[in-house]
PDB file of N, CA and C in Angstrom:
ATOM      1  N   UNK A   1     -12.085   8.683  10.064  1.00  0.00           N
ATOM      2  CA  UNK A   1     -11.068   9.169  10.962  1.00  0.00           C
ATOM      3  C   UNK A   1      -9.779   8.396  10.714  1.00  0.00           C
ATOM      4  N   UNK A   2      -8.686   9.096  10.663  1.00  0.00           N
ATOM      5  CA  UNK A   2      -7.361   8.480  10.535  1.00  0.00           C
ATOM      6  C   UNK A   2      -6.769   8.279  11.921  1.00  0.00           C
ATOM      7  N   UNK A   3      -6.057   7.171  12.090  1.00  0.00           N
ATOM      8  CA  UNK A   3      -5.336   6.914  13.331  1.00  0.00           C
ATOM      9  C   UNK A   3      -3.944   6.383  12.991  1.00  0.00           C
ATOM     10  N   UNK A   4      -3.055   6.519  13.949  1.00  0.00           N
ATOM     11  CA  UNK A   4      -1.729   5.916  13.868  1.00  0.00           C
ATOM     12  C   UNK A   4      -1.759   4.685  14.765  1.00  0.00           C
ATOM     13  N   UNK A   5      -1.301   3.562  14.220  1.00  0.00           N
ATOM     14  CA  UNK A   5      -1.198   2.340  15.014  1.00  0.00           C
ATOM     15  C   UNK A   5       0.273   2.043  15.243  1.00  0.00           C
ATOM     16  N   UNK A   6       0.643   1.954  16.506  1.00  0.00           N
ATOM     17  CA  UNK A   6       1.999   1.582  16.903  1.00  0.00           C
ATOM     18  C   UNK A   6       1.936   0.095  17.260  1.00  0.00           C
ATOM     19  N   UNK A   7       2.559  -0.741  16.445  1.00  0.00           N
ATOM     20  CA  UNK A   7       2.443  -2.194  16.563  1.00  0.00           C
ATOM     21  C   UNK A   7       3.784  -2.769  16.991  1.00  0.00           C
ATOM     22  N   UNK A   8       3.765  -3.549  18.069  1.00  0.00           N
ATOM     23  CA  UNK A   8       4.985  -4.161  18.586  1.00  0.00           C
ATOM     24  C   UNK A   8       4.790  -5.677  18.620  1.00  0.00           C
ATOM     25  N   UNK A   9       5.655  -6.385  17.888  1.00  0.00           N
ATOM     26  CA  UNK A   9       5.605  -7.847  17.876  1.00  0.00           C
ATOM     27  C   UNK A   9       7.018  -8.392  17.944  1.00  0.00           C
ATOM     28  N   UNK A  10       7.187  -9.699  17.675  1.00  0.00           N
ATOM     29  CA  UNK A  10       8.506 -10.320  17.796  1.00  0.00           C
ATOM     30  C   UNK A  10       9.519  -9.745  16.810  1.00  0.00           C
ATOM     31  N   UNK A  11       9.048  -9.093  15.747  1.00  0.00           N
ATOM     32  CA  UNK A  11       9.956  -8.501  14.751  1.00  0.00           C
ATOM     33  C   UNK A  11      10.415  -7.113  15.137  1.00  0.00           C
ATOM     34  N   UNK A  12       9.758  -6.511  16.119  1.00  0.00           N
ATOM     35  CA  UNK A  12      10.104  -5.154  16.520  1.00  0.00           C
ATOM     36  C   UNK A  12       8.884  -4.256  16.550  1.00  0.00           C
ATOM     37  N   UNK A  13       9.095  -2.994  16.258  1.00  0.00           N
ATOM     38  CA  UNK A  13       8.035  -1.993  16.340  1.00  0.00           C
ATOM     39  C   UNK A  13       7.812  -1.362  14.980  1.00  0.00           C
ATOM     40  N   UNK A  14       6.549  -1.119  14.659  1.00  0.00           N
ATOM     41  CA  UNK A  14       6.174  -0.514  13.386  1.00  0.00           C
ATOM     42  C   UNK A  14       5.062   0.487  13.643  1.00  0.00           C
ATOM     43  N   UNK A  15       4.942   1.478  12.788  1.00  0.00           N
ATOM     44  CA  UNK A  15       3.859   2.446  12.872  1.00  0.00           C
ATOM     45  C   UNK A  15       3.188   2.544  11.519  1.00  0.00           C
ATOM     46  N   UNK A  16       1.851   2.573  11.534  1.00  0.00           N
ATOM     47  CA  UNK A  16       1.074   2.684  10.307  1.00  0.00           C
ATOM     48  C   UNK A  16      -0.034   3.699  10.511  1.00  0.00           C
ATOM     49  N   UNK A  17      -0.291   4.492   9.497  1.00  0.00           N
ATOM     50  CA  UNK A  17      -1.471   5.347   9.521  1.00  0.00           C
ATOM     51  C   UNK A  17      -2.567   4.628   8.745  1.00  0.00           C
ATOM     52  N   UNK A  18      -3.746   4.500   9.352  1.00  0.00           N
ATOM     53  CA  UNK A  18      -4.860   3.798   8.733  1.00  0.00           C
ATOM     54  C   UNK A  18      -6.134   4.628   8.862  1.00  0.00           C
ATOM     55  N   UNK A  19      -7.089   4.332   7.997  1.00  0.00           N
ATOM     56  CA  UNK A  19      -8.398   4.985   8.034  1.00  0.00           C
ATOM     57  C   UNK A  19      -9.390   3.997   8.633  1.00  0.00           C
ATOM     58  N   UNK A  20     -10.110   4.427   9.662  1.00  0.00           N
ATOM     59  CA  UNK A  20     -11.098   3.566  10.305  1.00  0.00           C
ATOM     60  C   UNK A  20     -12.366   3.474   9.469  1.00  0.00           C
ATOM     61  N   UNK A  21     -13.074   2.338   9.544  1.00  0.00           N
ATOM     62  CA  UNK A  21     -12.824   1.169  10.361  1.00  0.00           C
ATOM     63  C   UNK A  21     -11.748   0.278   9.754  1.00  0.00           C
ATOM     64  N   UNK A  22     -11.077  -0.505  10.617  1.00  0.00           N
ATOM     65  CA  UNK A  22     -10.056  -1.459  10.157  1.00  0.00           C
ATOM     66  C   UNK A  22     -10.280  -2.809  10.812  1.00  0.00           C
ATOM     67  N   UNK A  23      -9.994  -3.860  10.051  1.00  0.00           N
ATOM     68  CA  UNK A  23      -9.999  -5.220  10.579  1.00  0.00           C
ATOM     69  C   UNK A  23      -8.548  -5.646  10.713  1.00  0.00           C
ATOM     70  N   UNK A  24      -8.204  -6.206  11.882  1.00  0.00           N
ATOM     71  CA  UNK A  24      -6.855  -6.700  12.155  1.00  0.00           C
ATOM     72  C   UNK A  24      -6.893  -8.220  12.178  1.00  0.00           C
ATOM     73  N   UNK A  25      -5.888  -8.847  11.562  1.00  0.00           N
ATOM     74  CA  UNK A  25      -5.813 -10.301  11.564  1.00  0.00           C
ATOM     75  C   UNK A  25      -4.700 -10.795  10.672  1.00  0.00           C
ATOM     76  N   UNK A  26      -4.661 -12.127  10.492  1.00  0.00           N
ATOM     77  CA  UNK A  26      -3.608 -12.747   9.672  1.00  0.00           C
ATOM     78  C   UNK A  26      -3.967 -12.837   8.201  1.00  0.00           C
ATOM     79  N   UNK A  27      -5.258 -12.777   7.858  1.00  0.00           N
ATOM     80  CA  UNK A  27      -5.663 -12.931   6.452  1.00  0.00           C
ATOM     81  C   UNK A  27      -5.133 -11.799   5.589  1.00  0.00           C
ATOM     82  N   UNK A  28      -4.851 -12.134   4.341  1.00  0.00           N
ATOM     83  CA  UNK A  28      -4.311 -11.140   3.401  1.00  0.00           C
ATOM     84  C   UNK A  28      -5.265  -9.989   3.156  1.00  0.00           C
ATOM     85  N   UNK A  29      -6.578 -10.207   3.283  1.00  0.00           N
ATOM     86  CA  UNK A  29      -7.530  -9.132   3.001  1.00  0.00           C
ATOM     87  C   UNK A  29      -7.837  -8.251   4.217  1.00  0.00           C
ATOM     88  N   UNK A  30      -7.156  -8.483   5.348  1.00  0.00           N
ATOM     89  CA  UNK A  30      -7.341  -7.613   6.516  1.00  0.00           C
ATOM     90  C   UNK A  30      -6.689  -6.262   6.250  1.00  0.00           C
ATOM     91  N   UNK A  31      -7.281  -5.223   6.813  1.00  0.00           N
ATOM     92  CA  UNK A  31      -6.725  -3.871   6.642  1.00  0.00           C
ATOM     93  C   UNK A  31      -5.353  -3.751   7.294  1.00  0.00           C
ATOM     94  N   UNK A  32      -5.193  -4.366   8.462  1.00  0.00           N
ATOM     95  CA  UNK A  32      -3.899  -4.403   9.147  1.00  0.00           C
ATOM     96  C   UNK A  32      -3.565  -5.875   9.334  1.00  0.00           C
ATOM     97  N   UNK A  33      -2.556  -6.334   8.587  1.00  0.00           N
ATOM     98  CA  UNK A  33      -2.187  -7.749   8.608  1.00  0.00           C
ATOM     99  C   UNK A  33      -1.087  -7.965   9.647  1.00  0.00           C
ATOM    100  N   UNK A  34      -1.334  -8.932  10.539  1.00  0.00           N
ATOM    101  CA  UNK A  34      -0.392  -9.268  11.597  1.00  0.00           C
ATOM    102  C   UNK A  34       0.128 -10.679  11.356  1.00  0.00           C
ATOM    103  N   UNK A  35       1.424 -10.880  11.504  1.00  0.00           N
ATOM    104  CA  UNK A  35       2.020 -12.190  11.224  1.00  0.00           C
ATOM    105  C   UNK A  35       2.065 -13.094  12.451  1.00  0.00           C
ATOM    106  N   UNK A  36       1.630 -12.626  13.576  1.00  0.00           N
ATOM    107  CA  UNK A  36       1.632 -13.369  14.832  1.00  0.00           C
ATOM    108  C   UNK A  36       0.757 -14.627  14.710  1.00  0.00           C
ATOM    109  N   UNK A  37       1.312 -15.830  14.933  1.00  0.00           N
ATOM    110  CA  UNK A  37       0.518 -17.055  14.812  1.00  0.00           C
ATOM    111  C   UNK A  37      -0.593 -17.175  15.850  1.00  0.00           C
ATOM    112  N   UNK A  38      -0.554 -16.391  16.914  1.00  0.00           N
ATOM    113  CA  UNK A  38      -1.609 -16.404  17.934  1.00  0.00           C
ATOM    114  C   UNK A  38      -2.768 -15.477  17.584  1.00  0.00           C
ATOM    115  N   UNK A  39      -2.664 -14.783  16.468  1.00  0.00           N
ATOM    116  CA  UNK A  39      -3.723 -13.895  15.988  1.00  0.00           C
ATOM    117  C   UNK A  39      -4.620 -14.687  15.039  1.00  0.00           C
ATOM    118  N   UNK A  40      -5.926 -14.522  15.191  1.00  0.00           N
ATOM    119  CA  UNK A  40      -6.876 -15.199  14.302  1.00  0.00           C
ATOM    120  C   UNK A  40      -6.855 -14.566  12.921  1.00  0.00           C
ATOM    121  N   UNK A  41      -7.410 -15.285  11.956  1.00  0.00           N
ATOM    122  CA  UNK A  41      -7.429 -14.771  10.580  1.00  0.00           C
ATOM    123  C   UNK A  41      -8.128 -13.416  10.497  1.00  0.00           C
ATOM    124  N   UNK A  42      -9.258 -13.273  11.134  1.00  0.00           N
ATOM    125  CA  UNK A  42      -9.970 -11.996  11.263  1.00  0.00           C
ATOM    126  C   UNK A  42     -10.207 -11.817  12.758  1.00  0.00           C
ATOM    127  N   UNK A  43      -9.296 -11.146  13.423  1.00  0.00           N
ATOM    128  CA  UNK A  43      -9.245 -11.138  14.882  1.00  0.00           C
ATOM    129  C   UNK A  43     -10.171 -10.096  15.513  1.00  0.00           C
ATOM    130  N   UNK A  44     -10.019  -8.845  15.119  1.00  0.00           N
ATOM    131  CA  UNK A  44     -10.823  -7.785  15.729  1.00  0.00           C
ATOM    132  C   UNK A  44     -10.970  -6.620  14.760  1.00  0.00           C
ATOM    133  N   UNK A  45     -11.869  -5.707  15.115  1.00  0.00           N
ATOM    134  CA  UNK A  45     -12.102  -4.513  14.292  1.00  0.00           C
ATOM    135  C   UNK A  45     -12.046  -3.293  15.198  1.00  0.00           C
ATOM    136  N   UNK A  46     -11.472  -2.212  14.682  1.00  0.00           N
ATOM    137  CA  UNK A  46     -11.479  -0.927  15.376  1.00  0.00           C
ATOM    138  C   UNK A  46     -12.244   0.046  14.501  1.00  0.00           C
ATOM    139  N   UNK A  47     -13.190   0.739  15.114  1.00  0.00           N
ATOM    140  CA  UNK A  47     -14.009   1.703  14.384  1.00  0.00           C
ATOM    141  C   UNK A  47     -14.184   2.955  15.219  1.00  0.00           C
ATOM    142  N   UNK A  48     -14.760   3.959  14.609  1.00  0.00           N
ATOM    143  CA  UNK A  48     -14.999   5.230  15.274  1.00  0.00           C
ATOM    144  C   UNK A  48     -16.504   5.413  15.412  1.00  0.00           C
ATOM    145  N   UNK A  49     -16.963   5.697  16.634  1.00  0.00           N
ATOM    146  CA  UNK A  49     -18.386   5.941  16.844  1.00  0.00           C
ATOM    147  C   UNK A  49     -18.736   7.346  16.368  1.00  0.00           C
ATOM    148  N   UNK A  50     -19.996   7.663  16.410  1.00  0.00           N
ATOM    149  CA  UNK A  50     -20.445   8.990  15.959  1.00  0.00           C
ATOM    150  C   UNK A  50     -19.883  10.111  16.829  1.00  0.00           C
ATOM    151  N   UNK A  51     -19.476   9.787  18.055  1.00  0.00           N
ATOM    152  CA  UNK A  51     -18.894  10.797  18.951  1.00  0.00           C
ATOM    153  C   UNK A  51     -17.371  10.840  18.846  1.00  0.00           C
ATOM    154  N   UNK A  52     -16.817  10.205  17.810  1.00  0.00           N
ATOM    155  CA  UNK A  52     -15.377  10.120  17.599  1.00  0.00           C
ATOM    156  C   UNK A  52     -14.661   9.357  18.710  1.00  0.00           C
ATOM    157  N   UNK A  53     -15.359   8.420  19.313  1.00  0.00           N
ATOM    158  CA  UNK A  53     -14.762   7.508  20.280  1.00  0.00           C
ATOM    159  C   UNK A  53     -14.310   6.265  19.524  1.00  0.00           C
ATOM    160  N   UNK A  54     -13.119   5.770  19.834  1.00  0.00           N
ATOM    161  CA  UNK A  54     -12.638   4.550  19.199  1.00  0.00           C
ATOM    162  C   UNK A  54     -13.235   3.339  19.910  1.00  0.00           C
ATOM    163  N   UNK A  55     -13.757   2.402  19.121  1.00  0.00           N
ATOM    164  CA  UNK A  55     -14.392   1.189  19.639  1.00  0.00           C
ATOM    165  C   UNK A  55     -13.636  -0.013  19.074  1.00  0.00           C
ATOM    166  N   UNK A  56     -13.322  -0.992  19.928  1.00  0.00           N
ATOM    167  CA  UNK A  56     -12.723  -2.238  19.466  1.00  0.00           C
ATOM    168  C   UNK A  56     -13.737  -3.365  19.681  1.00  0.00           C
ATOM    169  N   UNK A  57     -13.861  -4.233  18.674  1.00  0.00           N
ATOM    170  CA  UNK A  57     -14.782  -5.369  18.723  1.00  0.00           C
ATOM    171  C   UNK A  57     -14.017  -6.637  18.373  1.00  0.00           C
ATOM    172  N   UNK A  58     -14.082  -7.639  19.239  1.00  0.00           N
ATOM    173  CA  UNK A  58     -13.499  -8.937  18.922  1.00  0.00           C
ATOM    174  C   UNK A  58     -14.394  -9.601  17.880  1.00  0.00           C
ATOM    175  N   UNK A  59     -13.808 -10.257  16.900  1.00  0.00           N
ATOM    176  CA  UNK A  59     -14.572 -10.884  15.814  1.00  0.00           C
ATOM    177  C   UNK A  59     -14.640 -12.406  15.985  1.00  0.00           C
ATOM    178  N   UNK A  60     -14.760 -12.852  17.239  1.00  0.00           N
ATOM    179  CA  UNK A  60     -14.820 -14.286  17.500  1.00  0.00           C
ATOM    180  C   UNK A  60     -13.457 -14.952  17.468  1.00  0.00           C
ATOM    181  N   UNK A  61     -12.423 -14.219  17.838  1.00  0.00           N
ATOM    182  CA  UNK A  61     -11.059 -14.747  17.788  1.00  0.00           C
ATOM    183  C   UNK A  61     -10.877 -15.922  18.747  1.00  0.00           C
ATOM    184  N   UNK A  62      -9.932 -16.773  18.430  1.00  0.00           N
ATOM    185  CA  UNK A  62      -9.647 -17.951  19.254  1.00  0.00           C
ATOM    186  C   UNK A  62      -9.013 -17.567  20.592  1.00  0.00           C
ATOM    187  N   UNK A  63      -8.066 -16.628  20.578  1.00  0.00           N
ATOM    188  CA  UNK A  63      -7.314 -16.277  21.788  1.00  0.00           C
ATOM    189  C   UNK A  63      -7.783 -15.007  22.480  1.00  0.00           C
ATOM    190  N   UNK A  64      -8.783 -14.335  21.939  1.00  0.00           N
ATOM    191  CA  UNK A  64      -9.340 -13.157  22.587  1.00  0.00           C
ATOM    192  C   UNK A  64      -8.608 -11.866  22.249  1.00  0.00           C
ATOM    193  N   UNK A  65      -9.293 -10.780  22.555  1.00  0.00           N
ATOM    194  CA  UNK A  65      -8.772  -9.427  22.384  1.00  0.00           C
ATOM    195  C   UNK A  65      -8.710  -8.799  23.767  1.00  0.00           C
ATOM    196  N   UNK A  66      -7.580  -8.173  24.083  1.00  0.00           N
ATOM    197  CA  UNK A  66      -7.379  -7.624  25.416  1.00  0.00           C
ATOM    198  C   UNK A  66      -7.110  -6.127  25.344  1.00  0.00           C
ATOM    199  N   UNK A  67      -7.700  -5.395  26.278  1.00  0.00           N
ATOM    200  CA  UNK A  67      -7.455  -3.958  26.426  1.00  0.00           C
ATOM    201  C   UNK A  67      -6.954  -3.750  27.843  1.00  0.00           C
ATOM    202  N   UNK A  68      -5.729  -3.278  27.966  1.00  0.00           N
ATOM    203  CA  UNK A  68      -5.083  -3.078  29.270  1.00  0.00           C
ATOM    204  C   UNK A  68      -5.159  -4.341  30.126  1.00  0.00           C
ATOM    205  N   UNK A  69      -4.949  -5.500  29.486  1.00  0.00           N
ATOM    206  CA  UNK A  69      -4.907  -6.763  30.205  1.00  0.00           C
ATOM    207  C   UNK A  69      -6.249  -7.428  30.456  1.00  0.00           C
ATOM    208  N   UNK A  70      -7.361  -6.762  30.117  1.00  0.00           N
ATOM    209  CA  UNK A  70      -8.706  -7.305  30.332  1.00  0.00           C
ATOM    210  C   UNK A  70      -9.260  -7.830  29.017  1.00  0.00           C
ATOM    211  N   UNK A  71      -9.777  -9.061  29.030  1.00  0.00           N
ATOM    212  CA  UNK A  71     -10.389  -9.627  27.826  1.00  0.00           C
ATOM    213  C   UNK A  71     -11.706  -8.899  27.548  1.00  0.00           C
ATOM    214  N   UNK A  72     -11.909  -8.505  26.285  1.00  0.00           N
ATOM    215  CA  UNK A  72     -13.108  -7.743  25.918  1.00  0.00           C
ATOM    216  C   UNK A  72     -13.764  -8.345  24.681  1.00  0.00           C
ATOM    217  N   UNK A  73     -15.061  -8.144  24.575  1.00  0.00           N
ATOM    218  CA  UNK A  73     -15.795  -8.452  23.355  1.00  0.00           C
ATOM    219  C   UNK A  73     -15.957  -7.175  22.529  1.00  0.00           C
ATOM    220  N   UNK A  74     -16.337  -6.096  23.216  1.00  0.00           N
ATOM    221  CA  UNK A  74     -16.474  -4.775  22.589  1.00  0.00           C
ATOM    222  C   UNK A  74     -16.349  -3.732  23.677  1.00  0.00           C
ATOM    223  N   UNK A  75     -15.544  -2.698  23.408  1.00  0.00           N
ATOM    224  CA  UNK A  75     -15.367  -1.642  24.397  1.00  0.00           C
ATOM    225  C   UNK A  75     -14.812  -0.384  23.734  1.00  0.00           C
ATOM    226  N   UNK A  76     -15.032   0.744  24.387  1.00  0.00           N
ATOM    227  CA  UNK A  76     -14.424   2.005  23.957  1.00  0.00           C
ATOM    228  C   UNK A  76     -12.959   2.005  24.393  1.00  0.00           C
ATOM    229  N   UNK A  77     -12.120   2.630  23.586  1.00  0.00           N
ATOM    230  CA  UNK A  77     -10.684   2.691  23.891  1.00  0.00           C
ATOM    231  C   UNK A  77     -10.336   4.039  24.504  1.00  0.00           C
ATOM    232  N   UNK A  78      -9.725   4.011  25.673  1.00  0.00           N
ATOM    233  CA  UNK A  78      -9.190   5.225  26.275  1.00  0.00           C
ATOM    234  C   UNK A  78      -7.953   5.633  25.483  1.00  0.00           C
ATOM    235  N   UNK A  79      -7.589   6.915  25.512  1.00  0.00           N
ATOM    236  CA  UNK A  79      -6.415   7.367  24.759  1.00  0.00           C
ATOM    237  C   UNK A  79      -5.122   6.652  25.127  1.00  0.00           C
ATOM    238  N   UNK A  80      -5.026   6.122  26.339  1.00  0.00           N
ATOM    239  CA  UNK A  80      -3.806   5.453  26.777  1.00  0.00           C
ATOM    240  C   UNK A  80      -3.909   3.930  26.694  1.00  0.00           C
ATOM    241  N   UNK A  81      -4.976   3.401  26.105  1.00  0.00           N
ATOM    242  CA  UNK A  81      -5.211   1.956  26.084  1.00  0.00           C
ATOM    243  C   UNK A  81      -4.115   1.215  25.330  1.00  0.00           C
ATOM    244  N   UNK A  82      -3.756   0.054  25.859  1.00  0.00           N
ATOM    245  CA  UNK A  82      -2.791  -0.836  25.212  1.00  0.00           C
ATOM    246  C   UNK A  82      -3.541  -2.101  24.837  1.00  0.00           C
ATOM    247  N   UNK A  83      -3.533  -2.429  23.554  1.00  0.00           N
ATOM    248  CA  UNK A  83      -4.242  -3.596  23.058  1.00  0.00           C
ATOM    249  C   UNK A  83      -3.322  -4.798  23.037  1.00  0.00           C
ATOM    250  N   UNK A  84      -3.878  -5.952  23.361  1.00  0.00           N
ATOM    251  CA  UNK A  84      -3.168  -7.214  23.256  1.00  0.00           C
ATOM    252  C   UNK A  84      -3.930  -8.117  22.310  1.00  0.00           C
ATOM    253  N   UNK A  85      -3.289  -8.460  21.192  1.00  0.00           N
ATOM    254  CA  UNK A  85      -3.898  -9.316  20.177  1.00  0.00           C
ATOM    255  C   UNK A  85      -2.887 -10.422  19.909  1.00  0.00           C
ATOM    256  N   UNK A  86      -3.155 -11.621  20.433  1.00  0.00           N
ATOM    257  CA  UNK A  86      -2.146 -12.670  20.396  1.00  0.00           C
ATOM    258  C   UNK A  86      -0.951 -12.209  21.215  1.00  0.00           C
ATOM    259  N   UNK A  87       0.247 -12.301  20.657  1.00  0.00           N
ATOM    260  CA  UNK A  87       1.458 -11.810  21.326  1.00  0.00           C
ATOM    261  C   UNK A  87       1.843 -10.408  20.861  1.00  0.00           C
ATOM    262  N   UNK A  88       0.957  -9.767  20.116  1.00  0.00           N
ATOM    263  CA  UNK A  88       1.207  -8.439  19.556  1.00  0.00           C
ATOM    264  C   UNK A  88       0.579  -7.372  20.448  1.00  0.00           C
ATOM    265  N   UNK A  89       1.323  -6.306  20.703  1.00  0.00           N
ATOM    266  CA  UNK A  89       0.843  -5.172  21.497  1.00  0.00           C
ATOM    267  C   UNK A  89       0.636  -3.983  20.569  1.00  0.00           C
ATOM    268  N   UNK A  90      -0.460  -3.272  20.765  1.00  0.00           N
ATOM    269  CA  UNK A  90      -0.801  -2.163  19.867  1.00  0.00           C
ATOM    270  C   UNK A  90      -1.292  -0.966  20.675  1.00  0.00           C
ATOM    271  N   UNK A  91      -0.816   0.216  20.313  1.00  0.00           N
ATOM    272  CA  UNK A  91      -1.379   1.486  20.776  1.00  0.00           C
ATOM    273  C   UNK A  91      -2.019   2.153  19.561  1.00  0.00           C
ATOM    274  N   UNK A  92      -3.147   2.803  19.762  1.00  0.00           N
ATOM    275  CA  UNK A  92      -3.836   3.508  18.680  1.00  0.00           C
ATOM    276  C   UNK A  92      -3.931   4.977  19.070  1.00  0.00           C
ATOM    277  N   UNK A  93      -3.470   5.861  18.178  1.00  0.00           N
ATOM    278  CA  UNK A  93      -3.478   7.294  18.436  1.00  0.00           C
ATOM    279  C   UNK A  93      -4.249   8.003  17.340  1.00  0.00           C
ATOM    280  N   UNK A  94      -5.235   8.834  17.694  1.00  0.00           N
ATOM    281  CA  UNK A  94      -5.854   9.667  16.649  1.00  0.00           C
ATOM    282  C   UNK A  94      -4.778  10.527  15.997  1.00  0.00           C
ATOM    283  N   UNK A  95      -4.861  10.712  14.701  1.00  0.00           N
ATOM    284  CA  UNK A  95      -3.845  11.460  13.963  1.00  0.00           C
ATOM    285  C   UNK A  95      -3.650  12.852  14.552  1.00  0.00           C
ATOM    286  N   UNK A  96      -4.724  13.476  14.987  1.00  0.00           N
ATOM    287  CA  UNK A  96      -4.604  14.841  15.514  1.00  0.00           C
ATOM    288  C   UNK A  96      -3.746  14.909  16.773  1.00  0.00           C
ATOM    289  N   UNK A  97      -3.605  13.819  17.528  1.00  0.00           N
ATOM    290  CA  UNK A  97      -2.770  13.809  18.718  1.00  0.00           C
ATOM    291  C   UNK A  97      -1.361  13.305  18.454  1.00  0.00           C
ATOM    292  N   UNK A  98      -1.101  12.914  17.208  1.00  0.00           N
ATOM    293  CA  UNK A  98       0.180  12.299  16.875  1.00  0.00           C
ATOM    294  C   UNK A  98       1.351  13.269  16.978  1.00  0.00           C
ATOM    295  N   UNK A  99       1.128  14.524  16.629  1.00  0.00           N
ATOM    296  CA  UNK A  99       2.238  15.480  16.666  1.00  0.00           C
ATOM    297  C   UNK A  99       2.821  15.606  18.071  1.00  0.00           C
ATOM    298  N   UNK A 100       1.946  15.583  19.092  1.00  0.00           N
ATOM    299  CA  UNK A 100       2.436  15.690  20.463  1.00  0.00           C
ATOM    300  C   UNK A 100       3.283  14.464  20.819  1.00  0.00           C
ATOM    301  N   UNK A 101       2.859  13.276  20.429  1.00  0.00           N
ATOM    302  CA  UNK A 101       3.646  12.069  20.710  1.00  0.00           C
ATOM    303  C   UNK A 101       4.969  12.118  19.965  1.00  0.00           C
ATOM    304  N   UNK A 102       4.936  12.538  18.713  1.00  0.00           N
ATOM    305  CA  UNK A 102       6.151  12.617  17.914  1.00  0.00           C
ATOM    306  C   UNK A 102       7.146  13.572  18.559  1.00  0.00           C
ATOM    307  N   UNK A 103       6.666  14.676  19.085  1.00  0.00           N
ATOM    308  CA  UNK A 103       7.562  15.644  19.722  1.00  0.00           C
ATOM    309  C   UNK A 103       8.244  15.057  20.949  1.00  0.00           C
ATOM    310  N   UNK A 104       7.575  14.144  21.652  1.00  0.00           N
ATOM    311  CA  UNK A 104       8.200  13.517  22.820  1.00  0.00           C
ATOM    312  C   UNK A 104       9.251  12.493  22.400  1.00  0.00           C
ATOM    313  N   UNK A 105       9.085  11.886  21.217  1.00  0.00           N
ATOM    314  CA  UNK A 105       9.981  10.824  20.782  1.00  0.00           C
ATOM    315  C   UNK A 105      11.170  11.310  19.958  1.00  0.00           C
ATOM    316  N   UNK A 106      10.995  12.444  19.257  1.00  0.00           N
ATOM    317  CA  UNK A 106      11.982  12.878  18.275  1.00  0.00           C
ATOM    318  C   UNK A 106      12.434  14.303  18.606  1.00  0.00           C
ATOM    319  N   UNK A 107      13.716  14.611  18.467  1.00  0.00           N
ATOM    320  CA  UNK A 107      14.188  15.981  18.697  1.00  0.00           C
ATOM    321  C   UNK A 107      13.421  16.985  17.845  1.00  0.00           C
ATOM    322  N   UNK A 108      13.213  18.174  18.385  1.00  0.00           N
ATOM    323  CA  UNK A 108      12.377  19.191  17.756  1.00  0.00           C
ATOM    324  C   UNK A 108      12.779  19.488  16.308  1.00  0.00           C
ATOM    325  N   UNK A 109      14.070  19.587  16.017  1.00  0.00           N
ATOM    326  CA  UNK A 109      14.485  19.948  14.653  1.00  0.00           C
ATOM    327  C   UNK A 109      14.062  18.878  13.651  1.00  0.00           C
ATOM    328  N   UNK A 110      13.953  17.621  14.068  1.00  0.00           N
ATOM    329  CA  UNK A 110      13.482  16.585  13.152  1.00  0.00           C
ATOM    330  C   UNK A 110      11.978  16.656  12.933  1.00  0.00           C
ATOM    331  N   UNK A 111      11.229  17.057  13.963  1.00  0.00           N
ATOM    332  CA  UNK A 111       9.782  17.231  13.827  1.00  0.00           C
ATOM    333  C   UNK A 111       9.492  18.323  12.811  1.00  0.00           C
ATOM    334  N   UNK A 112      10.238  19.417  12.891  1.00  0.00           N
ATOM    335  CA  UNK A 112      10.051  20.522  11.946  1.00  0.00           C
ATOM    336  C   UNK A 112      10.318  20.020  10.521  1.00  0.00           C
ATOM    337  N   UNK A 113      11.355  19.231  10.353  1.00  0.00           N
ATOM    338  CA  UNK A 113      11.685  18.712   9.021  1.00  0.00           C
ATOM    339  C   UNK A 113      10.586  17.785   8.510  1.00  0.00           C
ATOM    340  N   UNK A 114       9.985  16.970   9.379  1.00  0.00           N
ATOM    341  CA  UNK A 114       8.921  16.067   8.978  1.00  0.00           C
ATOM    342  C   UNK A 114       7.678  16.853   8.563  1.00  0.00           C
ATOM    343  N   UNK A 115       7.338  17.870   9.324  1.00  0.00           N
ATOM    344  CA  UNK A 115       6.151  18.674   9.045  1.00  0.00           C
ATOM    345  C   UNK A 115       6.357  19.571   7.825  1.00  0.00           C
ATOM    346  N   UNK A 116       7.604  19.954   7.598  1.00  0.00           N
ATOM    347  CA  UNK A 116       7.985  20.953   6.643  1.00  0.00           C
ATOM    348  C   UNK A 116       7.654  20.744   5.252  1.00  0.00           C
TER     349      UNK A 116
END
């Protein structure tokens, strides 16, 4: 399953499309590399269950993984969940729902050009 990750840190906001499962952390071999010093080398993993539910698992991080402000070891992600990894905030959107979000953020004529 492909997802869009909206990542917000001290440098600003970035969006990446990734294929699950992904490991997030500071190490160079992580699928999603975060430069936040409060993020562990291999901080957490996001995967898709057989029912296409997104699951986040903490990988023994020093500062913990948070979903909507609650520290978690492993949990399913609601579509509106906001992840906290160190000082970095992340939203994860299934690719199939991305067009609706894009339409809310970008004027319609630009969406047509992107899809076109």
